């Protein structure tokens, strides 16, 4: 009986981390909510400080990628009840080319 109760409790604790729940949360959050969360700010500040201190291009590019993905998912992903249309694919194309172009430029061309 204890094992089943432990399994049920584990399922309830991990339920918010299901993919559909994560996507719904990401789509409903505003940028102000994301960047006002102290955990997010501490992580971004720590990564930025480490990247600048070590002058590490991969760390700074990772930080750029994470922030770009937050903005990208907030504005380009359609709500759960809608499908991707041709007009909603253009932000995906533009953001993908922009993020990829910056990363390729700094890792291969500028180095």
N, C-alpha and C. Protein backbone atom coordinates (compact mmCIF):
# COMPACT_ATOMS: atom_id res chain seq x y z
N UNK A 1 0.81 -1.19 0.00
CA UNK A 1 0.00 0.00 0.00
C UNK A 1 0.86 1.26 0.00
N UNK A 2 1.94 1.27 0.72
CA UNK A 2 2.82 2.43 0.76
C UNK A 2 3.42 2.73 -0.61
N UNK A 3 3.75 1.68 -1.33
CA UNK A 3 4.35 1.87 -2.65
C UNK A 3 3.36 2.55 -3.59
N UNK A 4 2.10 2.17 -3.56
CA UNK A 4 1.09 2.78 -4.41
C UNK A 4 0.86 4.25 -4.03
N UNK A 5 0.85 4.54 -2.75
CA UNK A 5 0.68 5.92 -2.30
C UNK A 5 1.87 6.79 -2.73
N UNK A 6 3.05 6.22 -2.65
CA UNK A 6 4.25 6.93 -3.10
C UNK A 6 4.19 7.20 -4.60
N UNK A 7 3.73 6.21 -5.36
CA UNK A 7 3.59 6.39 -6.82
C UNK A 7 2.56 7.47 -7.14
N UNK A 8 1.43 7.47 -6.45
CA UNK A 8 0.39 8.48 -6.69
C UNK A 8 0.89 9.88 -6.35
N UNK A 9 1.61 9.98 -5.24
CA UNK A 9 2.15 11.28 -4.83
C UNK A 9 3.19 11.78 -5.84
N UNK A 10 4.03 10.88 -6.35
CA UNK A 10 5.03 11.24 -7.34
C UNK A 10 4.37 11.72 -8.63
N UNK A 11 3.31 11.03 -9.04
CA UNK A 11 2.60 11.42 -10.26
C UNK A 11 2.00 12.82 -10.10
N UNK A 12 1.43 13.09 -8.94
CA UNK A 12 0.83 14.40 -8.71
C UNK A 12 1.89 15.51 -8.66
N UNK A 13 3.06 15.21 -8.11
CA UNK A 13 4.12 16.20 -8.05
C UNK A 13 4.67 16.49 -9.45
N UNK A 14 4.79 15.47 -10.30
CA UNK A 14 5.38 15.62 -11.63
C UNK A 14 4.37 16.04 -12.70
N UNK A 15 3.09 16.05 -12.39
CA UNK A 15 2.07 16.39 -13.38
C UNK A 15 2.27 17.78 -14.00
N UNK A 16 2.68 18.81 -13.26
CA UNK A 16 2.89 20.12 -13.91
C UNK A 16 4.03 20.11 -14.93
N UNK A 17 4.89 19.10 -14.91
CA UNK A 17 6.02 19.05 -15.84
C UNK A 17 5.72 18.25 -17.10
N UNK A 18 4.45 17.87 -17.32
CA UNK A 18 4.09 17.22 -18.57
C UNK A 18 4.23 18.23 -19.71
N UNK A 19 4.48 17.74 -20.89
CA UNK A 19 4.74 18.61 -22.02
C UNK A 19 3.58 19.55 -22.31
N UNK A 20 2.37 19.05 -22.29
CA UNK A 20 1.22 19.91 -22.59
C UNK A 20 1.06 20.99 -21.52
N UNK A 21 1.30 20.65 -20.27
CA UNK A 21 1.20 21.66 -19.21
C UNK A 21 2.30 22.70 -19.32
N UNK A 22 3.51 22.26 -19.67
CA UNK A 22 4.62 23.21 -19.85
C UNK A 22 4.35 24.17 -21.01
N UNK A 23 3.83 23.64 -22.12
CA UNK A 23 3.55 24.48 -23.28
C UNK A 23 2.44 25.48 -22.97
N UNK A 24 1.40 25.04 -22.27
CA UNK A 24 0.31 25.94 -21.88
C UNK A 24 0.84 27.04 -20.97
N UNK A 25 1.69 26.67 -20.03
CA UNK A 25 2.27 27.66 -19.12
C UNK A 25 3.14 28.65 -19.88
N UNK A 26 3.97 28.16 -20.80
CA UNK A 26 4.85 29.04 -21.57
C UNK A 26 4.04 30.00 -22.45
N UNK A 27 2.90 29.54 -22.97
CA UNK A 27 2.11 30.39 -23.86
C UNK A 27 1.29 31.43 -23.10
N UNK A 28 0.98 31.17 -21.84
CA UNK A 28 0.16 32.12 -21.10
C UNK A 28 0.99 33.10 -20.27
N UNK A 29 2.26 32.82 -20.07
CA UNK A 29 3.10 33.74 -19.31
C UNK A 29 3.42 34.99 -20.13
N UNK A 30 3.50 36.09 -19.46
CA UNK A 30 3.95 37.31 -20.13
C UNK A 30 5.45 37.47 -19.89
N UNK A 31 6.08 38.30 -20.70
CA UNK A 31 7.51 38.53 -20.51
C UNK A 31 7.79 39.18 -19.15
N UNK A 32 6.86 40.01 -18.70
CA UNK A 32 7.04 40.63 -17.38
C UNK A 32 7.02 39.58 -16.28
N UNK A 33 6.15 38.58 -16.39
CA UNK A 33 6.10 37.51 -15.39
C UNK A 33 7.36 36.66 -15.44
N UNK A 34 7.85 36.39 -16.64
CA UNK A 34 9.05 35.55 -16.77
C UNK A 34 10.26 36.27 -16.18
N UNK A 35 10.43 37.53 -16.55
CA UNK A 35 11.62 38.25 -16.11
C UNK A 35 11.49 38.85 -14.72
N UNK A 36 10.31 38.80 -14.12
CA UNK A 36 10.17 39.25 -12.73
C UNK A 36 10.34 38.09 -11.75
N UNK A 37 10.43 36.88 -12.25
CA UNK A 37 10.65 35.72 -11.39
C UNK A 37 12.09 35.77 -10.88
N UNK A 38 12.31 35.76 -9.57
CA UNK A 38 13.67 35.89 -9.06
C UNK A 38 14.59 34.74 -9.45
N UNK A 39 14.06 33.55 -9.61
CA UNK A 39 14.90 32.41 -10.00
C UNK A 39 15.44 32.62 -11.41
N UNK A 40 14.59 33.06 -12.31
CA UNK A 40 15.02 33.32 -13.69
C UNK A 40 16.07 34.43 -13.72
N UNK A 41 15.83 35.49 -12.96
CA UNK A 41 16.79 36.60 -12.93
C UNK A 41 18.13 36.18 -12.36
N UNK A 42 18.12 35.36 -11.32
CA UNK A 42 19.38 34.90 -10.72
C UNK A 42 20.15 34.02 -11.70
N UNK A 43 19.44 33.12 -12.38
CA UNK A 43 20.10 32.23 -13.35
C UNK A 43 20.68 33.04 -14.51
N UNK A 44 19.91 33.98 -15.05
CA UNK A 44 20.39 34.79 -16.16
C UNK A 44 21.58 35.64 -15.73
N UNK A 45 21.49 36.24 -14.54
CA UNK A 45 22.60 37.05 -14.04
C UNK A 45 23.86 36.21 -13.81
N UNK A 46 23.69 35.02 -13.25
CA UNK A 46 24.85 34.15 -13.00
C UNK A 46 25.50 33.73 -14.31
N UNK A 47 24.70 33.35 -15.30
CA UNK A 47 25.25 32.94 -16.59
C UNK A 47 25.94 34.13 -17.27
N UNK A 48 25.30 35.30 -17.22
CA UNK A 48 25.89 36.48 -17.83
C UNK A 48 27.21 36.86 -17.15
N UNK A 49 27.23 36.83 -15.81
CA UNK A 49 28.44 37.15 -15.06
C UNK A 49 29.55 36.16 -15.40
N UNK A 50 29.22 34.86 -15.43
CA UNK A 50 30.22 33.84 -15.76
C UNK A 50 30.74 34.02 -17.19
N UNK A 51 29.83 34.30 -18.12
CA UNK A 51 30.23 34.48 -19.52
C UNK A 51 31.13 35.69 -19.71
N UNK A 52 30.82 36.78 -19.03
CA UNK A 52 31.64 37.99 -19.16
C UNK A 52 32.97 37.81 -18.44
N UNK A 53 32.93 37.22 -17.25
CA UNK A 53 34.14 37.02 -16.47
C UNK A 53 35.13 36.12 -17.21
N UNK A 54 34.65 35.03 -17.76
CA UNK A 54 35.52 34.08 -18.47
C UNK A 54 35.69 34.43 -19.95
N UNK A 55 34.95 35.45 -20.42
CA UNK A 55 34.95 35.82 -21.83
C UNK A 55 34.67 34.59 -22.70
N UNK A 56 33.65 33.87 -22.30
CA UNK A 56 33.29 32.62 -22.96
C UNK A 56 32.18 32.86 -23.97
N UNK A 57 32.51 32.73 -25.23
CA UNK A 57 31.53 32.92 -26.28
C UNK A 57 30.42 31.87 -26.24
N UNK A 58 30.72 30.57 -26.00
CA UNK A 58 29.62 29.60 -25.92
C UNK A 58 28.62 29.90 -24.80
N UNK A 59 29.10 30.40 -23.68
CA UNK A 59 28.19 30.72 -22.58
C UNK A 59 27.30 31.90 -22.96
N UNK A 60 27.87 32.92 -23.56
CA UNK A 60 27.08 34.07 -23.96
C UNK A 60 26.10 33.72 -25.08
N UNK A 61 26.52 32.86 -26.00
CA UNK A 61 25.61 32.43 -27.06
C UNK A 61 24.48 31.57 -26.49
N UNK A 62 24.77 30.77 -25.47
CA UNK A 62 23.72 29.99 -24.83
C UNK A 62 22.72 30.90 -24.14
N UNK A 63 23.19 31.93 -23.48
CA UNK A 63 22.30 32.90 -22.84
C UNK A 63 21.44 33.60 -23.89
N UNK A 64 22.05 34.00 -24.99
CA UNK A 64 21.30 34.62 -26.09
C UNK A 64 20.23 33.66 -26.60
N UNK A 65 20.59 32.39 -26.78
CA UNK A 65 19.66 31.40 -27.28
C UNK A 65 18.49 31.21 -26.32
N UNK A 66 18.75 31.13 -25.02
CA UNK A 66 17.69 30.93 -24.05
C UNK A 66 16.72 32.10 -24.02
N UNK A 67 17.24 33.31 -24.02
CA UNK A 67 16.37 34.48 -24.02
C UNK A 67 15.59 34.57 -25.33
N UNK A 68 16.24 34.28 -26.44
CA UNK A 68 15.55 34.29 -27.73
C UNK A 68 14.46 33.24 -27.79
N UNK A 69 14.70 32.07 -27.20
CA UNK A 69 13.67 31.02 -27.20
C UNK A 69 12.48 31.40 -26.32
N UNK A 70 12.73 32.09 -25.21
CA UNK A 70 11.61 32.55 -24.37
C UNK A 70 10.73 33.50 -25.17
N UNK A 71 11.34 34.47 -25.82
CA UNK A 71 10.58 35.43 -26.61
C UNK A 71 9.93 34.75 -27.81
N UNK A 72 10.66 33.86 -28.44
CA UNK A 72 10.17 33.13 -29.61
C UNK A 72 8.95 32.29 -29.26
N UNK A 73 9.00 31.54 -28.18
CA UNK A 73 7.87 30.70 -27.79
C UNK A 73 6.68 31.54 -27.36
N UNK A 74 6.93 32.68 -26.78
CA UNK A 74 5.82 33.53 -26.32
C UNK A 74 5.05 34.12 -27.49
N UNK A 75 5.75 34.56 -28.53
CA UNK A 75 5.08 35.26 -29.62
C UNK A 75 4.79 34.41 -30.85
N UNK A 76 5.49 33.33 -31.07
CA UNK A 76 5.32 32.58 -32.31
C UNK A 76 4.46 31.33 -32.16
N UNK A 77 4.39 30.76 -30.96
CA UNK A 77 3.60 29.54 -30.79
C UNK A 77 2.11 29.87 -30.75
N UNK A 78 1.30 29.15 -31.54
CA UNK A 78 -0.14 29.43 -31.51
C UNK A 78 -0.77 28.87 -30.23
N UNK A 79 -1.93 29.37 -29.84
CA UNK A 79 -2.61 28.81 -28.67
C UNK A 79 -2.93 27.34 -28.89
N UNK A 80 -3.19 26.59 -27.81
CA UNK A 80 -3.40 25.14 -27.94
C UNK A 80 -4.56 24.73 -28.84
N UNK A 81 -5.60 25.57 -28.97
CA UNK A 81 -6.76 25.19 -29.77
C UNK A 81 -6.61 25.54 -31.25
N UNK A 82 -5.51 26.18 -31.64
CA UNK A 82 -5.29 26.55 -33.03
C UNK A 82 -4.14 25.74 -33.62
N UNK A 83 -4.20 25.56 -34.94
CA UNK A 83 -3.11 24.88 -35.64
C UNK A 83 -2.23 25.92 -36.31
N UNK A 84 -1.05 25.48 -36.72
CA UNK A 84 -0.15 26.38 -37.44
C UNK A 84 -0.70 26.66 -38.83
N UNK A 85 -0.78 27.92 -39.19
CA UNK A 85 -1.18 28.29 -40.53
C UNK A 85 0.04 28.83 -41.26
N UNK A 86 -0.12 29.10 -42.53
CA UNK A 86 1.01 29.60 -43.32
C UNK A 86 1.50 30.95 -42.78
N UNK A 87 0.57 31.80 -42.35
CA UNK A 87 0.98 33.12 -41.85
C UNK A 87 1.65 33.01 -40.48
N UNK A 88 1.35 31.97 -39.72
CA UNK A 88 1.99 31.82 -38.41
C UNK A 88 3.33 31.09 -38.50
N UNK A 89 3.67 30.57 -39.66
CA UNK A 89 4.95 29.90 -39.84
C UNK A 89 6.06 30.93 -40.09
N UNK A 90 5.71 32.11 -40.60
CA UNK A 90 6.73 33.14 -40.89
C UNK A 90 7.52 33.56 -39.66
N UNK A 91 6.90 33.73 -38.47
CA UNK A 91 7.74 34.03 -37.30
C UNK A 91 8.72 32.90 -36.98
N UNK A 92 8.33 31.64 -37.20
CA UNK A 92 9.24 30.53 -36.99
C UNK A 92 10.43 30.62 -37.93
N UNK A 93 10.16 30.91 -39.18
CA UNK A 93 11.23 31.03 -40.17
C UNK A 93 12.16 32.19 -39.83
N UNK A 94 11.57 33.34 -39.53
CA UNK A 94 12.37 34.52 -39.22
C UNK A 94 13.21 34.34 -37.96
N UNK A 95 12.59 33.83 -36.91
CA UNK A 95 13.33 33.64 -35.66
C UNK A 95 14.40 32.56 -35.81
N UNK A 96 14.09 31.50 -36.53
CA UNK A 96 15.08 30.44 -36.75
C UNK A 96 16.28 30.94 -37.52
N UNK A 97 16.03 31.72 -38.57
CA UNK A 97 17.14 32.29 -39.35
C UNK A 97 17.93 33.29 -38.51
N UNK A 98 17.23 34.10 -37.72
CA UNK A 98 17.91 35.09 -36.89
C UNK A 98 18.78 34.45 -35.82
N UNK A 99 18.22 33.51 -35.07
CA UNK A 99 18.98 32.83 -34.00
C UNK A 99 20.13 32.03 -34.61
N UNK A 100 19.84 31.27 -35.65
CA UNK A 100 20.88 30.47 -36.30
C UNK A 100 21.96 31.33 -36.90
N UNK A 101 21.58 32.44 -37.51
CA UNK A 101 22.56 33.34 -38.11
C UNK A 101 23.51 33.94 -37.09
N UNK A 102 22.98 34.37 -35.97
CA UNK A 102 23.83 34.94 -34.92
C UNK A 102 24.80 33.89 -34.38
N UNK A 103 24.28 32.69 -34.10
CA UNK A 103 25.13 31.64 -33.54
C UNK A 103 26.20 31.20 -34.54
N UNK A 104 25.82 31.03 -35.81
CA UNK A 104 26.80 30.64 -36.83
C UNK A 104 27.84 31.74 -37.02
N UNK A 105 27.40 32.99 -37.03
CA UNK A 105 28.34 34.10 -37.23
C UNK A 105 29.40 34.12 -36.11
N UNK A 106 28.95 34.04 -34.87
CA UNK A 106 29.90 34.17 -33.77
C UNK A 106 30.74 32.90 -33.55
N UNK A 107 30.24 31.73 -33.92
CA UNK A 107 31.02 30.51 -33.70
C UNK A 107 31.94 30.19 -34.86
N UNK A 108 31.53 30.50 -36.09
CA UNK A 108 32.34 30.07 -37.23
C UNK A 108 33.01 31.22 -37.97
N UNK A 109 32.32 32.30 -38.19
CA UNK A 109 32.85 33.37 -39.02
C UNK A 109 33.77 34.28 -38.23
N UNK A 110 33.31 34.72 -37.05
CA UNK A 110 34.08 35.69 -36.27
C UNK A 110 35.25 35.07 -35.55
N UNK A 111 35.23 33.78 -35.29
CA UNK A 111 36.31 33.16 -34.50
C UNK A 111 37.55 32.88 -35.29
